[in-house]
Amino acid sequence: MPKYEHVMIARQDLSNMQAEGLLEHFSKILVENKGHVVDSEYWGLKTMAYKVNKNRKGHYTFLKSDAPAEAVQEMERLMRLHEDVMRVMTIKVKDHDEGPTVMMGSKPRNREEKTDDVKPEAGGE
């Protein structure tokens, strides 16, 4: 069965619980159409780069699925008709990555906490 990843942006005036409820609602639609939800994540209320439908922020959600194309098309159709959903993006992937996405990871708070920075040693050449 094909594998997909979906990102949905919901309106900023929804509560966190309502945004997560939308994710569950659309997950049920996939399951009802012979699909399988592998994983889902609520990324939170994020500021967007530009205004969308007069909104500066949006609730971001992420969904991994194994579903037939018809199930994905039906879910996307219903997402686009839903008044609380501002944007939807679906991509087809070869394999799902294990573990949480980069968005769920913690980011360093200052430069000293970064692990990929190489500090020069004193008294070098």
Protein backbone atom coordinates (compact mmCIF):
# COMPACT_ATOMS: atom_id res chain seq x y z
CA MET A 1 0.00 0.00 0.00
CA PRO A 2 1.35 3.52 -0.78
CA LYS A 3 2.76 5.56 2.09
CA TYR A 4 1.93 9.23 2.61
CA GLU A 5 2.78 12.11 4.92
CA HIS A 6 0.22 14.88 5.47
CA VAL A 7 0.65 18.31 7.04
CA MET A 8 -2.43 20.35 7.89
CA ILE A 9 -2.66 23.94 9.14
CA ALA A 10 -5.80 24.85 11.08
CA ARG A 11 -7.06 28.31 12.07
CA GLN A 12 -5.33 30.07 14.96
CA ASP A 13 -8.50 30.74 16.96
CA LEU A 14 -9.07 27.03 17.64
CA SER A 15 -7.98 25.56 20.94
CA ASN A 16 -5.26 22.90 21.07
CA MET A 17 -7.88 20.24 21.82
CA GLN A 18 -9.99 21.28 18.81
CA ALA A 19 -6.95 21.13 16.51
CA GLU A 20 -6.08 17.66 17.80
CA GLY A 21 -9.75 16.70 17.35
CA LEU A 22 -9.49 17.67 13.67
CA LEU A 23 -6.49 15.36 13.34
CA GLU A 24 -8.46 12.48 14.89
CA HIS A 25 -11.47 13.23 12.66
CA PHE A 26 -9.42 13.05 9.47
CA SER A 27 -7.57 9.96 10.73
CA LYS A 28 -10.95 8.23 11.09
CA ILE A 29 -11.80 9.10 7.49
CA LEU A 30 -8.62 7.34 6.34
CA VAL A 31 -9.40 4.26 8.42
CA GLU A 32 -13.00 4.13 7.16
CA ASN A 33 -11.67 4.08 3.58
CA LYS A 34 -9.35 1.06 4.19
CA GLY A 35 -6.31 3.10 5.16
CA HIS A 36 -4.01 2.81 8.15
CA VAL A 37 -2.64 5.67 10.29
CA VAL A 38 0.97 4.93 11.22
CA ASP A 39 1.64 7.97 13.41
CA SER A 40 0.29 11.44 14.12
CA GLU A 41 1.77 14.49 15.80
CA TYR A 42 0.44 17.83 16.93
CA TRP A 43 3.18 20.40 16.30
CA GLY A 44 1.45 23.30 18.03
CA LEU A 45 0.55 26.89 17.24
CA LYS A 46 3.26 28.31 14.98
CA THR A 47 3.78 31.68 13.31
CA MET A 48 3.59 31.48 9.53
CA ALA A 49 5.86 33.32 7.11
CA TYR A 50 2.91 35.24 5.63
CA LYS A 51 -0.77 35.73 6.33
CA VAL A 52 -3.14 33.02 5.14
CA ASN A 53 -6.86 33.86 5.18
CA LYS A 54 -6.08 36.86 7.44
CA ASN A 55 -4.34 34.58 9.99
CA ARG A 56 -0.75 35.13 11.09
CA LYS A 57 -0.52 31.85 13.07
CA GLY A 58 -1.85 28.34 12.63
CA HIS A 59 -2.12 24.97 14.40
CA TYR A 60 0.19 22.53 12.61
CA THR A 61 -0.53 18.80 12.60
CA PHE A 62 1.32 15.91 10.95
CA LEU A 63 0.03 12.49 9.92
CA LYS A 64 1.80 9.40 8.52
CA SER A 65 -0.44 6.94 6.69
CA ASP A 66 -0.52 3.78 4.60
CA ALA A 67 -3.62 4.17 2.49
CA PRO A 68 -4.98 3.66 -1.01
CA ALA A 69 -5.01 6.75 -3.22
CA GLU A 70 -8.81 6.94 -3.10
CA ALA A 71 -8.76 7.24 0.71
CA VAL A 72 -6.18 10.03 0.58
CA GLN A 73 -8.15 11.88 -2.09
CA GLU A 74 -11.33 11.67 -0.02
CA MET A 75 -9.55 12.89 3.11
CA GLU A 76 -7.99 15.81 1.22
CA ARG A 77 -11.33 16.71 -0.35
CA LEU A 78 -12.98 16.86 3.08
CA MET A 79 -10.05 18.82 4.52
CA ARG A 80 -10.34 21.45 1.80
CA LEU A 81 -14.09 21.77 2.46
CA HIS A 82 -13.67 22.10 6.24
CA GLU A 83 -13.89 25.71 7.40
CA ASP A 84 -11.21 25.35 10.10
CA VAL A 85 -8.52 23.97 7.76
CA MET A 86 -6.43 26.62 6.00
CA ARG A 87 -3.80 24.56 4.16
CA VAL A 88 -3.11 20.89 3.41
CA MET A 89 -0.01 19.27 1.95
CA THR A 90 0.32 15.57 1.15
CA ILE A 91 3.45 13.87 -0.16
CA LYS A 92 4.05 10.27 -1.15
CA VAL A 93 7.11 8.69 0.48
CA LYS A 94 8.97 5.42 -0.04
CA ASP A 95 9.34 4.65 3.67
CA HIS A 96 8.30 6.31 6.90
CA ASP A 97 11.09 7.57 9.15
CA GLU A 98 11.18 6.02 12.60
CA GLY A 99 10.75 8.12 15.71
CA PRO A 100 9.50 11.67 16.11
CA THR A 101 9.91 14.31 13.43
CA VAL A 102 12.38 17.16 13.61
CA MET A 103 9.55 19.51 14.63
CA MET A 104 9.03 17.52 17.84
CA GLY A 105 12.69 17.62 18.85
CA SER A 106 13.98 20.19 21.28
CA LYS A 107 16.09 22.95 19.87
CA PRO A 108 19.12 24.39 21.64
CA ARG A 109 18.42 27.55 23.62
CA ASN A 110 21.80 29.18 23.13
CA ARG A 111 25.01 28.67 21.22
CA GLU A 112 26.77 26.71 23.97
CA GLU A 113 24.14 23.95 23.92
CA LYS A 114 24.54 23.20 20.21
CA THR A 115 26.22 19.84 19.69
CA ASP A 116 27.34 20.40 16.11
CA ASP A 117 29.50 23.47 16.84
CA VAL A 118 33.21 22.79 16.90
CA LYS A 119 35.08 25.04 19.30
CA PRO A 120 38.66 25.88 18.37
CA GLU A 121 41.26 24.73 20.84
CA ALA A 122 43.41 27.37 22.53
CA GLY A 123 47.10 27.46 21.63
CA GLY A 124 46.67 25.69 18.29
CA GLU A 125 49.31 25.82 15.55
